[in-house]
């Protein structure tokens, strides 16, 4: 998960501490949700493990984040392009 978190933070030019932090600013929420979605997609980690990787978040936060991204992907070309670019940067 650390590689994915680092790559998403770099893509959005935000600090890793902000991505893992508790602040709910709009400019942090989408990158955080995307990072959780990608960690879930590209690792075998459980929801609680992913929540711990993101600053001790509740396990219910992770499926919510994944669902939000999955719902927005078909509708949002910018989001699809961002996911594609991040996955390319990860070597996926």
C-alpha atoms as a PDB file:
ATOM      1  CA  UNK A   1       0.000   0.000   0.000  1.00  0.00           C
ATOM      2  CA  UNK A   2       2.881   2.410   0.635  1.00  0.00           C
ATOM      3  CA  UNK A   3       3.887   2.484  -3.039  1.00  0.00           C
ATOM      4  CA  UNK A   4       0.305   3.220  -4.090  1.00  0.00           C
ATOM      5  CA  UNK A   5      -0.101   5.909  -1.420  1.00  0.00           C
ATOM      6  CA  UNK A   6       3.192   7.509  -2.476  1.00  0.00           C
ATOM      7  CA  UNK A   7       2.230   7.422  -6.172  1.00  0.00           C
ATOM      8  CA  UNK A   8      -1.231   8.920  -5.581  1.00  0.00           C
ATOM      9  CA  UNK A   9       0.221  11.646  -3.343  1.00  0.00           C
ATOM     10  CA  UNK A  10       2.772  12.484  -6.040  1.00  0.00           C
ATOM     11  CA  UNK A  11       0.133  12.537  -8.775  1.00  0.00           C
ATOM     12  CA  UNK A  12      -2.014  14.993  -6.824  1.00  0.00           C
ATOM     13  CA  UNK A  13       0.996  16.880  -5.387  1.00  0.00           C
ATOM     14  CA  UNK A  14      -0.127  16.429  -1.803  1.00  0.00           C
ATOM     15  CA  UNK A  15       1.824  15.189   1.188  1.00  0.00           C
ATOM     16  CA  UNK A  16       1.556  11.551   2.217  1.00  0.00           C
ATOM     17  CA  UNK A  17       0.690  12.761   5.707  1.00  0.00           C
ATOM     18  CA  UNK A  18      -2.291  14.656   4.233  1.00  0.00           C
ATOM     19  CA  UNK A  19      -3.427  11.570   2.325  1.00  0.00           C
ATOM     20  CA  UNK A  20      -3.275   9.499   5.515  1.00  0.00           C
ATOM     21  CA  UNK A  21      -4.505  12.295   7.766  1.00  0.00           C
ATOM     22  CA  UNK A  22      -7.908  12.984   9.241  1.00  0.00           C
ATOM     23  CA  UNK A  23      -8.690  16.236   7.413  1.00  0.00           C
ATOM     24  CA  UNK A  24     -11.744  16.050   5.162  1.00  0.00           C
ATOM     25  CA  UNK A  25     -10.928  18.804   2.726  1.00  0.00           C
ATOM     26  CA  UNK A  26     -12.375  18.277  -0.738  1.00  0.00           C
ATOM     27  CA  UNK A  27      -8.924  18.390  -2.350  1.00  0.00           C
ATOM     28  CA  UNK A  28      -7.842  15.497  -0.093  1.00  0.00           C
ATOM     29  CA  UNK A  29     -10.945  13.303  -0.100  1.00  0.00           C
ATOM     30  CA  UNK A  30     -10.911  12.247  -3.753  1.00  0.00           C
ATOM     31  CA  UNK A  31      -7.189  11.362  -3.794  1.00  0.00           C
ATOM     32  CA  UNK A  32      -7.646   9.462  -0.520  1.00  0.00           C
ATOM     33  CA  UNK A  33     -10.634   7.556  -1.914  1.00  0.00           C
ATOM     34  CA  UNK A  34      -8.719   6.797  -5.098  1.00  0.00           C
ATOM     35  CA  UNK A  35      -5.722   5.543  -3.131  1.00  0.00           C
ATOM     36  CA  UNK A  36      -7.968   3.273  -1.038  1.00  0.00           C
ATOM     37  CA  UNK A  37      -9.632   1.986  -4.206  1.00  0.00           C
ATOM     38  CA  UNK A  38      -6.267   1.232  -5.819  1.00  0.00           C
ATOM     39  CA  UNK A  39      -4.884  -0.433  -2.697  1.00  0.00           C
ATOM     40  CA  UNK A  40      -7.960  -2.655  -2.591  1.00  0.00           C
ATOM     41  CA  UNK A  41      -7.703  -3.414  -6.304  1.00  0.00           C
ATOM     42  CA  UNK A  42      -3.967  -4.150  -6.392  1.00  0.00           C
ATOM     43  CA  UNK A  43      -3.342  -5.853  -3.041  1.00  0.00           C
ATOM     44  CA  UNK A  44      -4.864  -8.648  -0.994  1.00  0.00           C
ATOM     45  CA  UNK A  45      -5.300  -6.431   2.058  1.00  0.00           C
ATOM     46  CA  UNK A  46      -8.536  -6.554   4.027  1.00  0.00           C
ATOM     47  CA  UNK A  47     -10.656  -3.460   4.644  1.00  0.00           C
ATOM     48  CA  UNK A  48      -9.361  -3.143   8.240  1.00  0.00           C
ATOM     49  CA  UNK A  49      -5.745  -3.438   7.018  1.00  0.00           C
ATOM     50  CA  UNK A  50      -6.318  -0.744   4.405  1.00  0.00           C
ATOM     51  CA  UNK A  51      -7.968   1.461   7.042  1.00  0.00           C
ATOM     52  CA  UNK A  52      -4.881   1.080   9.250  1.00  0.00           C
ATOM     53  CA  UNK A  53      -2.633   2.017   6.310  1.00  0.00           C
ATOM     54  CA  UNK A  54      -4.608   5.263   6.029  1.00  0.00           C
ATOM     55  CA  UNK A  55      -4.065   6.548   9.522  1.00  0.00           C
ATOM     56  CA  UNK A  56      -6.241   4.116  11.442  1.00  0.00           C
ATOM     57  CA  UNK A  57      -9.479   4.746   9.597  1.00  0.00           C
ATOM     58  CA  UNK A  58     -12.528   2.683  10.451  1.00  0.00           C
ATOM     59  CA  UNK A  59     -12.898  -0.404   8.268  1.00  0.00           C
ATOM     60  CA  UNK A  60     -16.272   0.866   6.979  1.00  0.00           C
ATOM     61  CA  UNK A  61     -14.587   3.910   5.439  1.00  0.00           C
ATOM     62  CA  UNK A  62     -12.664   1.802   2.942  1.00  0.00           C
ATOM     63  CA  UNK A  63     -15.595   0.076   1.188  1.00  0.00           C
ATOM     64  CA  UNK A  64     -17.385   3.437   1.089  1.00  0.00           C
ATOM     65  CA  UNK A  65     -14.367   5.016  -0.636  1.00  0.00           C
ATOM     66  CA  UNK A  66     -14.065   2.124  -3.092  1.00  0.00           C
ATOM     67  CA  UNK A  67     -17.775   2.305  -3.900  1.00  0.00           C
ATOM     68  CA  UNK A  68     -17.622   6.062  -4.500  1.00  0.00           C
ATOM     69  CA  UNK A  69     -14.762   5.666  -6.981  1.00  0.00           C
ATOM     70  CA  UNK A  70     -16.413   2.690  -8.747  1.00  0.00           C
ATOM     71  CA  UNK A  71     -19.640   4.697  -9.135  1.00  0.00           C
ATOM     72  CA  UNK A  72     -17.839   7.756 -10.504  1.00  0.00           C
ATOM     73  CA  UNK A  73     -15.507   5.969 -12.941  1.00  0.00           C
ATOM     74  CA  UNK A  74     -18.090   5.428 -15.722  1.00  0.00           C
ATOM     75  CA  UNK A  75     -19.281   9.047 -15.474  1.00  0.00           C
ATOM     76  CA  UNK A  76     -16.014  10.935 -14.979  1.00  0.00           C
ATOM     77  CA  UNK A  77     -13.405  10.913 -17.761  1.00  0.00           C
ATOM     78  CA  UNK A  78     -10.924  12.905 -15.660  1.00  0.00           C
ATOM     79  CA  UNK A  79     -11.135  10.302 -12.908  1.00  0.00           C
ATOM     80  CA  UNK A  80     -10.660   7.458 -15.405  1.00  0.00           C
ATOM     81  CA  UNK A  81      -7.607   9.186 -16.863  1.00  0.00           C
ATOM     82  CA  UNK A  82      -6.178   9.788 -13.394  1.00  0.00           C
ATOM     83  CA  UNK A  83      -6.643   6.134 -12.407  1.00  0.00           C
ATOM     84  CA  UNK A  84      -5.078   4.997 -15.691  1.00  0.00           C
ATOM     85  CA  UNK A  85      -2.093   7.317 -15.254  1.00  0.00           C
ATOM     86  CA  UNK A  86      -1.515   6.268 -11.640  1.00  0.00           C
ATOM     87  CA  UNK A  87      -1.751   2.596 -12.575  1.00  0.00           C
ATOM     88  CA  UNK A  88       0.782   3.154 -15.370  1.00  0.00           C
ATOM     89  CA  UNK A  89       3.086   4.868 -12.866  1.00  0.00           C
ATOM     90  CA  UNK A  90       2.689   1.840 -10.600  1.00  0.00           C
ATOM     91  CA  UNK A  91       3.564  -0.497 -13.453  1.00  0.00           C
ATOM     92  CA  UNK A  92       0.139  -2.185 -13.475  1.00  0.00           C
END
